[in-house]
Amino acid sequence: MALPILTLTQACMGYGRKVVCGPIDLEIMRSDHLLITGPNGGGKSTLLKTIIGLIPLRGGFMQRYDAAGNPTERLKMGYLPQINTQDRAFPISVHQVIDSGITKGSKAERHKRVNELLKLIDLEPFARYAVGKLSGGQLQRVLLARAMAAEPEMLILDEPMSYLDTASRHRFHDLLYRITPPETTILMVTHDYPDEHSPLIWRSLIIGE
């Protein structure tokens, strides 16, 4: 039987005194694949940042649950924010970017995990490359690997395909399928619905209409 991983009850989200999204009632189940769509300014990214804990709720209630379905304050999350020019300008290697997503383990264990992810994203020869030398599609794969490095229970993606062409979007969906275990819950904000060939099955949530 599917168990919840997170619930929102009459949740309102925003910045300061400004509410940009809500009230929302939402139940997210473990292993769920939730596609979040809606108009610009409708509060999609605000919803993600609230779920992660980057900004507090402006009203209502949010509850996280552990693997047994019990309320918890802790939930392992991986976050891939919207890509920007700073991601390319920062003087750091591909290996270092992925390693920065690992929260524990010895140096040898971390190195092994990074190499596993480099193989999954087909960028093993690029381990020592500066991220500024990567294409947009390659950089997005590296940032996805970083988000998955600590093996999160919930993976949160904020418009990960905004700067990708059609072929790169197809590859991203295939990679997402390969890199995430079946039990991983995925929340993805996007303006582009996956096509019928997407290996993942999604349900949709429209925000801001």
C-alpha atoms as a PDB file:
ATOM      1  CA  MET A   1       0.000   0.000   0.000  1.00  0.00           C
ATOM      2  CA  ALA A   2       1.320   3.444  -0.942  1.00  0.00           C
ATOM      3  CA  LEU A   3       2.199   5.706   1.975  1.00  0.00           C
ATOM      4  CA  PRO A   4       2.343   9.514   2.003  1.00  0.00           C
ATOM      5  CA  ILE A   5       5.675  11.299   2.018  1.00  0.00           C
ATOM      6  CA  LEU A   6       4.316  14.853   2.373  1.00  0.00           C
ATOM      7  CA  THR A   7       0.928  16.528   2.836  1.00  0.00           C
ATOM      8  CA  LEU A   8      -0.182  20.148   2.580  1.00  0.00           C
ATOM      9  CA  THR A   9      -3.384  21.281   4.282  1.00  0.00           C
ATOM     10  CA  GLN A  10      -4.802  24.699   3.362  1.00  0.00           C
ATOM     11  CA  ALA A  11      -1.209  25.714   2.731  1.00  0.00           C
ATOM     12  CA  CYS A  12      -0.442  29.296   1.678  1.00  0.00           C
ATOM     13  CA  MET A  13       2.992  30.224   0.337  1.00  0.00           C
ATOM     14  CA  GLY A  14       4.755  33.461  -0.436  1.00  0.00           C
ATOM     15  CA  TYR A  15       7.372  35.993   0.623  1.00  0.00           C
ATOM     16  CA  GLY A  16       6.999  38.305   3.594  1.00  0.00           C
ATOM     17  CA  ARG A  17       3.352  39.259   3.824  1.00  0.00           C
ATOM     18  CA  LYS A  18       2.683  38.519   0.160  1.00  0.00           C
ATOM     19  CA  VAL A  19       0.906  35.233  -0.547  1.00  0.00           C
ATOM     20  CA  VAL A  20       1.529  34.070  -4.130  1.00  0.00           C
ATOM     21  CA  CYS A  21       0.148  30.541  -3.929  1.00  0.00           C
ATOM     22  CA  GLY A  22      -2.649  28.821  -2.033  1.00  0.00           C
ATOM     23  CA  PRO A  23      -4.521  27.709  -0.137  1.00  0.00           C
ATOM     24  CA  ILE A  24      -3.564  24.233  -1.376  1.00  0.00           C
ATOM     25  CA  ASP A  25      -4.543  20.767  -0.157  1.00  0.00           C
ATOM     26  CA  LEU A  26      -2.136  18.169  -1.522  1.00  0.00           C
ATOM     27  CA  GLU A  27      -1.086  14.633  -0.658  1.00  0.00           C
ATOM     28  CA  ILE A  28       2.139  13.359  -2.217  1.00  0.00           C
ATOM     29  CA  MET A  29       2.740   9.620  -2.011  1.00  0.00           C
ATOM     30  CA  ARG A  30       6.057   7.790  -1.897  1.00  0.00           C
ATOM     31  CA  SER A  31       7.220   6.857  -5.403  1.00  0.00           C
ATOM     32  CA  ASP A  32       4.900   9.544  -6.822  1.00  0.00           C
ATOM     33  CA  HIS A  33       5.958  11.424  -9.982  1.00  0.00           C
ATOM     34  CA  LEU A  34       4.271  14.821  -9.819  1.00  0.00           C
ATOM     35  CA  LEU A  35       4.431  17.287 -12.715  1.00  0.00           C
ATOM     36  CA  ILE A  36       3.726  20.861 -11.568  1.00  0.00           C
ATOM     37  CA  THR A  37       2.579  23.256 -14.287  1.00  0.00           C
ATOM     38  CA  GLY A  38       0.871  26.646 -14.553  1.00  0.00           C
ATOM     39  CA  PRO A  39       1.409  30.238 -15.682  1.00  0.00           C
ATOM     40  CA  ASN A  40       4.496  32.306 -14.888  1.00  0.00           C
ATOM     41  CA  GLY A  41       4.151  33.958 -11.497  1.00  0.00           C
ATOM     42  CA  GLY A  42       1.613  31.382 -10.361  1.00  0.00           C
ATOM     43  CA  GLY A  43       3.761  30.158  -7.477  1.00  0.00           C
ATOM     44  CA  LYS A  44       5.277  26.930  -8.821  1.00  0.00           C
ATOM     45  CA  SER A  45       8.841  27.642  -7.686  1.00  0.00           C
ATOM     46  CA  THR A  46       7.526  29.122  -4.436  1.00  0.00           C
ATOM     47  CA  LEU A  47       5.750  25.840  -3.738  1.00  0.00           C
ATOM     48  CA  LEU A  48       8.980  23.891  -4.254  1.00  0.00           C
ATOM     49  CA  LYS A  49      11.012  26.209  -2.025  1.00  0.00           C
ATOM     50  CA  THR A  50       8.395  25.888   0.712  1.00  0.00           C
ATOM     51  CA  ILE A  51       8.422  22.102   0.510  1.00  0.00           C
ATOM     52  CA  ILE A  52      12.233  22.095   0.733  1.00  0.00           C
ATOM     53  CA  GLY A  53      12.134  24.480   3.691  1.00  0.00           C
ATOM     54  CA  LEU A  54      13.893  27.432   2.061  1.00  0.00           C
ATOM     55  CA  ILE A  55      10.933  29.691   2.881  1.00  0.00           C
ATOM     56  CA  PRO A  56       8.330  29.234   5.643  1.00  0.00           C
ATOM     57  CA  LEU A  57       4.642  28.573   5.154  1.00  0.00           C
ATOM     58  CA  ARG A  58       2.462  31.707   5.267  1.00  0.00           C
ATOM     59  CA  GLY A  59      -0.524  29.728   6.464  1.00  0.00           C
ATOM     60  CA  GLY A  60      -1.877  26.224   6.801  1.00  0.00           C
ATOM     61  CA  PHE A  61       0.065  23.086   7.613  1.00  0.00           C
ATOM     62  CA  MET A  62       2.750  20.882   6.075  1.00  0.00           C
ATOM     63  CA  GLN A  63       3.681  17.417   7.308  1.00  0.00           C
ATOM     64  CA  ARG A  64       6.515  15.132   6.214  1.00  0.00           C
ATOM     65  CA  TYR A  65       6.440  11.361   6.747  1.00  0.00           C
ATOM     66  CA  ASP A  66       9.125   8.699   7.111  1.00  0.00           C
ATOM     67  CA  ALA A  67       9.200   5.413   5.167  1.00  0.00           C
ATOM     68  CA  ALA A  68       6.866   3.798   7.718  1.00  0.00           C
ATOM     69  CA  GLY A  69       4.276   6.555   7.316  1.00  0.00           C
ATOM     70  CA  ASN A  70       5.035   8.222  10.644  1.00  0.00           C
ATOM     71  CA  PRO A  71       5.260  12.036  10.951  1.00  0.00           C
ATOM     72  CA  THR A  72       8.851  13.277  10.869  1.00  0.00           C
ATOM     73  CA  GLU A  73      10.768  16.547  10.745  1.00  0.00           C
ATOM     74  CA  ARG A  74      13.496  15.050   8.558  1.00  0.00           C
ATOM     75  CA  LEU A  75      13.211  14.056   4.931  1.00  0.00           C
ATOM     76  CA  LYS A  76      16.147  13.477   2.586  1.00  0.00           C
ATOM     77  CA  MET A  77      15.632  15.786  -0.393  1.00  0.00           C
ATOM     78  CA  GLY A  78      17.620  16.480  -3.532  1.00  0.00           C
ATOM     79  CA  TYR A  79      17.095  19.822  -5.253  1.00  0.00           C
ATOM     80  CA  LEU A  80      17.904  20.919  -8.791  1.00  0.00           C
ATOM     81  CA  PRO A  81      17.192  24.680  -9.019  1.00  0.00           C
ATOM     82  CA  GLN A  82      16.698  26.643 -12.206  1.00  0.00           C
ATOM     83  CA  ILE A  83      19.946  26.854 -14.124  1.00  0.00           C
ATOM     84  CA  ASN A  84      21.601  30.281 -14.407  1.00  0.00           C
ATOM     85  CA  THR A  85      24.777  31.913 -15.698  1.00  0.00           C
ATOM     86  CA  GLN A  86      26.505  31.633 -12.318  1.00  0.00           C
ATOM     87  CA  ASP A  87      26.419  27.851 -12.581  1.00  0.00           C
ATOM     88  CA  ARG A  88      28.793  28.136 -15.530  1.00  0.00           C
ATOM     89  CA  ALA A  89      31.033  30.882 -14.161  1.00  0.00           C
ATOM     90  CA  PHE A  90      31.944  29.206 -10.869  1.00  0.00           C
ATOM     91  CA  PRO A  91      35.498  27.730 -11.069  1.00  0.00           C
ATOM     92  CA  ILE A  92      34.771  24.148 -10.011  1.00  0.00           C
ATOM     93  CA  SER A  93      35.165  20.765 -11.687  1.00  0.00           C
ATOM     94  CA  VAL A  94      32.438  18.309 -12.614  1.00  0.00           C
ATOM     95  CA  HIS A  95      33.718  15.866  -9.974  1.00  0.00           C
ATOM     96  CA  GLN A  96      33.649  18.571  -7.278  1.00  0.00           C
ATOM     97  CA  VAL A  97      30.108  19.636  -8.160  1.00  0.00           C
ATOM     98  CA  ILE A  98      28.750  16.112  -7.768  1.00  0.00           C
ATOM     99  CA  ASP A  99      30.796  15.480  -4.621  1.00  0.00           C
ATOM    100  CA  SER A 100      29.320  18.612  -3.023  1.00  0.00           C
ATOM    101  CA  GLY A 101      25.942  16.869  -2.976  1.00  0.00           C
ATOM    102  CA  ILE A 102      27.195  14.017  -0.762  1.00  0.00           C
ATOM    103  CA  THR A 103      26.496  14.571   2.914  1.00  0.00           C
ATOM    104  CA  LYS A 104      28.506  11.795   4.555  1.00  0.00           C
ATOM    105  CA  GLY A 105      31.020   9.017   3.990  1.00  0.00           C
ATOM    106  CA  SER A 106      34.783   8.616   3.769  1.00  0.00           C
ATOM    107  CA  LYS A 107      36.820  10.125   0.966  1.00  0.00           C
ATOM    108  CA  ALA A 108      36.990   6.733  -0.745  1.00  0.00           C
ATOM    109  CA  GLU A 109      33.233   6.193  -0.408  1.00  0.00           C
ATOM    110  CA  ARG A 110      32.489   9.642  -1.776  1.00  0.00           C
ATOM    111  CA  HIS A 111      34.863   9.116  -4.692  1.00  0.00           C
ATOM    112  CA  LYS A 112      33.155   5.805  -5.501  1.00  0.00           C
ATOM    113  CA  ARG A 113      29.706   7.398  -5.419  1.00  0.00           C
ATOM    114  CA  VAL A 114      30.801  10.250  -7.712  1.00  0.00           C
ATOM    115  CA  ASN A 115      32.255   7.775 -10.209  1.00  0.00           C
ATOM    116  CA  GLU A 116      29.014   5.756 -10.159  1.00  0.00           C
ATOM    117  CA  LEU A 117      27.035   8.876 -10.994  1.00  0.00           C
ATOM    118  CA  LEU A 118      29.487  10.000 -13.685  1.00  0.00           C
ATOM    119  CA  LYS A 119      28.975   6.644 -15.368  1.00  0.00           C
ATOM    120  CA  LEU A 120      25.186   6.949 -15.123  1.00  0.00           C
ATOM    121  CA  ILE A 121      25.193  10.386 -16.754  1.00  0.00           C
ATOM    122  CA  ASP A 122      27.758   9.326 -19.396  1.00  0.00           C
ATOM    123  CA  LEU A 123      30.303  11.979 -18.428  1.00  0.00           C
ATOM    124  CA  GLU A 124      33.169   9.914 -17.015  1.00  0.00           C
ATOM    125  CA  PRO A 125      35.783  11.554 -19.316  1.00  0.00           C
ATOM    126  CA  PHE A 126      34.658  15.008 -18.106  1.00  0.00           C
ATOM    127  CA  ALA A 127      35.317  14.472 -14.376  1.00  0.00           C
ATOM    128  CA  ARG A 128      38.114  17.077 -14.203  1.00  0.00           C
ATOM    129  CA  TYR A 129      36.544  19.530 -16.625  1.00  0.00           C
ATOM    130  CA  ALA A 130      35.494  22.936 -15.309  1.00  0.00           C
ATOM    131  CA  VAL A 131      31.699  23.186 -15.447  1.00  0.00           C
ATOM    132  CA  GLY A 132      32.062  26.335 -17.559  1.00  0.00           C
ATOM    133  CA  LYS A 133      33.268  24.174 -20.455  1.00  0.00           C
ATOM    134  CA  LEU A 134      30.123  22.032 -20.528  1.00  0.00           C
ATOM    135  CA  SER A 135      27.160  22.393 -22.849  1.00  0.00           C
ATOM    136  CA  GLY A 136      23.776  23.225 -21.360  1.00  0.00           C
ATOM    137  CA  GLY A 137      22.651  19.609 -21.566  1.00  0.00           C
ATOM    138  CA  GLN A 138      25.870  18.325 -19.975  1.00  0.00           C
ATOM    139  CA  LEU A 139      25.655  20.843 -17.134  1.00  0.00           C
ATOM    140  CA  GLN A 140      22.066  19.848 -16.416  1.00  0.00           C
ATOM    141  CA  ARG A 141      23.123  16.200 -16.187  1.00  0.00           C
ATOM    142  CA  VAL A 142      25.864  17.131 -13.710  1.00  0.00           C
ATOM    143  CA  LEU A 143      23.448  19.126 -11.549  1.00  0.00           C
ATOM    144  CA  LEU A 144      20.976  16.233 -11.606  1.00  0.00           C
ATOM    145  CA  ALA A 145      23.746  13.887 -10.472  1.00  0.00           C
ATOM    146  CA  ARG A 146      24.565  16.298  -7.638  1.00  0.00           C
ATOM    147  CA  ALA A 147      20.905  16.329  -6.564  1.00  0.00           C
ATOM    148  CA  MET A 148      20.891  12.512  -6.511  1.00  0.00           C
ATOM    149  CA  ALA A 149      24.313  12.134  -4.858  1.00  0.00           C
ATOM    150  CA  ALA A 150      22.967  11.658  -1.324  1.00  0.00           C
ATOM    151  CA  GLU A 151      20.254   9.227  -2.494  1.00  0.00           C
ATOM    152  CA  PRO A 152      17.290  11.430  -1.542  1.00  0.00           C
ATOM    153  CA  GLU A 153      13.810  10.149  -0.788  1.00  0.00           C
ATOM    154  CA  MET A 154      12.356  13.080  -2.730  1.00  0.00           C
ATOM    155  CA  LEU A 155      13.908  14.696  -5.820  1.00  0.00           C
ATOM    156  CA  ILE A 156      12.742  18.242  -6.574  1.00  0.00           C
ATOM    157  CA  LEU A 157      13.389  19.731 -10.030  1.00  0.00           C
ATOM    158  CA  ASP A 158      12.641  23.371 -10.858  1.00  0.00           C
ATOM    159  CA  GLU A 159      12.231  23.755 -14.639  1.00  0.00           C
ATOM    160  CA  PRO A 160      15.178  21.475 -15.455  1.00  0.00           C
ATOM    161  CA  MET A 161      14.523  21.574 -19.214  1.00  0.00           C
ATOM    162  CA  SER A 162      14.152  25.336 -19.726  1.00  0.00           C
ATOM    163  CA  TYR A 163      17.318  25.748 -21.799  1.00  0.00           C
ATOM    164  CA  LEU A 164      17.350  22.352 -23.504  1.00  0.00           C
ATOM    165  CA  ASP A 165      16.393  21.580 -27.085  1.00  0.00           C
ATOM    166  CA  THR A 166      13.896  18.831 -27.911  1.00  0.00           C
ATOM    167  CA  ALA A 167      16.486  16.081 -28.270  1.00  0.00           C
ATOM    168  CA  SER A 168      18.136  17.048 -24.961  1.00  0.00           C
ATOM    169  CA  ARG A 169      14.745  16.996 -23.234  1.00  0.00           C
ATOM    170  CA  HIS A 170      14.144  13.447 -24.402  1.00  0.00           C
ATOM    171  CA  ARG A 171      17.583  12.458 -23.124  1.00  0.00           C
ATOM    172  CA  PHE A 172      16.883  14.172 -19.809  1.00  0.00           C
ATOM    173  CA  HIS A 173      13.724  12.100 -19.267  1.00  0.00           C
ATOM    174  CA  ASP A 174      15.613   8.918 -20.114  1.00  0.00           C
ATOM    175  CA  LEU A 175      18.391   9.896 -17.685  1.00  0.00           C
ATOM    176  CA  LEU A 176      15.887  10.733 -14.970  1.00  0.00           C
ATOM    177  CA  TYR A 177      14.444   7.254 -15.359  1.00  0.00           C
ATOM    178  CA  ARG A 178      17.874   5.620 -15.152  1.00  0.00           C
ATOM    179  CA  ILE A 179      19.289   7.663 -12.283  1.00  0.00           C
ATOM    180  CA  THR A 180      16.325   7.547  -9.879  1.00  0.00           C
ATOM    181  CA  PRO A 181      15.402   4.333  -8.039  1.00  0.00           C
ATOM    182  CA  PRO A 182      11.723   3.308  -8.361  1.00  0.00           C
ATOM    183  CA  GLU A 183      11.007   4.332  -4.771  1.00  0.00           C
ATOM    184  CA  THR A 184      12.192   7.925  -5.281  1.00  0.00           C
ATOM    185  CA  THR A 185       9.446  10.561  -5.219  1.00  0.00           C
ATOM    186  CA  ILE A 186       9.895  13.175  -7.967  1.00  0.00           C
ATOM    187  CA  LEU A 187       8.412  16.679  -8.113  1.00  0.00           C
ATOM    188  CA  MET A 188       9.135  18.593 -11.309  1.00  0.00           C
ATOM    189  CA  VAL A 189       8.100  22.103 -12.328  1.00  0.00           C
ATOM    190  CA  THR A 190       7.929  22.456 -16.098  1.00  0.00           C
ATOM    191  CA  HIS A 191       6.146  24.226 -18.938  1.00  0.00           C
ATOM    192  CA  ASP A 192       6.660  21.209 -21.180  1.00  0.00           C
ATOM    193  CA  TYR A 193       4.649  18.044 -20.729  1.00  0.00           C
ATOM    194  CA  PRO A 194       6.635  14.856 -21.335  1.00  0.00           C
ATOM    195  CA  ASP A 195       5.758  13.202 -24.610  1.00  0.00           C
ATOM    196  CA  GLU A 196       4.211   9.767 -24.892  1.00  0.00           C
ATOM    197  CA  HIS A 197       7.652   8.176 -25.037  1.00  0.00           C
ATOM    198  CA  SER A 198       8.647   9.312 -21.530  1.00  0.00           C
ATOM    199  CA  PRO A 199       9.693   6.230 -19.512  1.00  0.00           C
ATOM    200  CA  LEU A 200       8.165   7.733 -16.337  1.00  0.00           C
ATOM    201  CA  ILE A 201       4.457   7.954 -15.563  1.00  0.00           C
ATOM    202  CA  TRP A 202       3.421  11.384 -14.276  1.00  0.00           C
ATOM    203  CA  ARG A 203       0.385  12.903 -12.643  1.00  0.00           C
ATOM    204  CA  SER A 204      -0.206  16.639 -12.958  1.00  0.00           C
ATOM    205  CA  LEU A 205      -0.825  19.525 -10.596  1.00  0.00           C
ATOM    206  CA  ILE A 206      -1.722  22.945 -12.042  1.00  0.00           C
ATOM    207  CA  ILE A 207      -0.717  25.947  -9.908  1.00  0.00           C
ATOM    208  CA  GLY A 208      -1.919  29.514 -10.360  1.00  0.00           C
ATOM    209  CA  GLU A 209      -5.100  29.028 -12.356  1.00  0.00           C
END
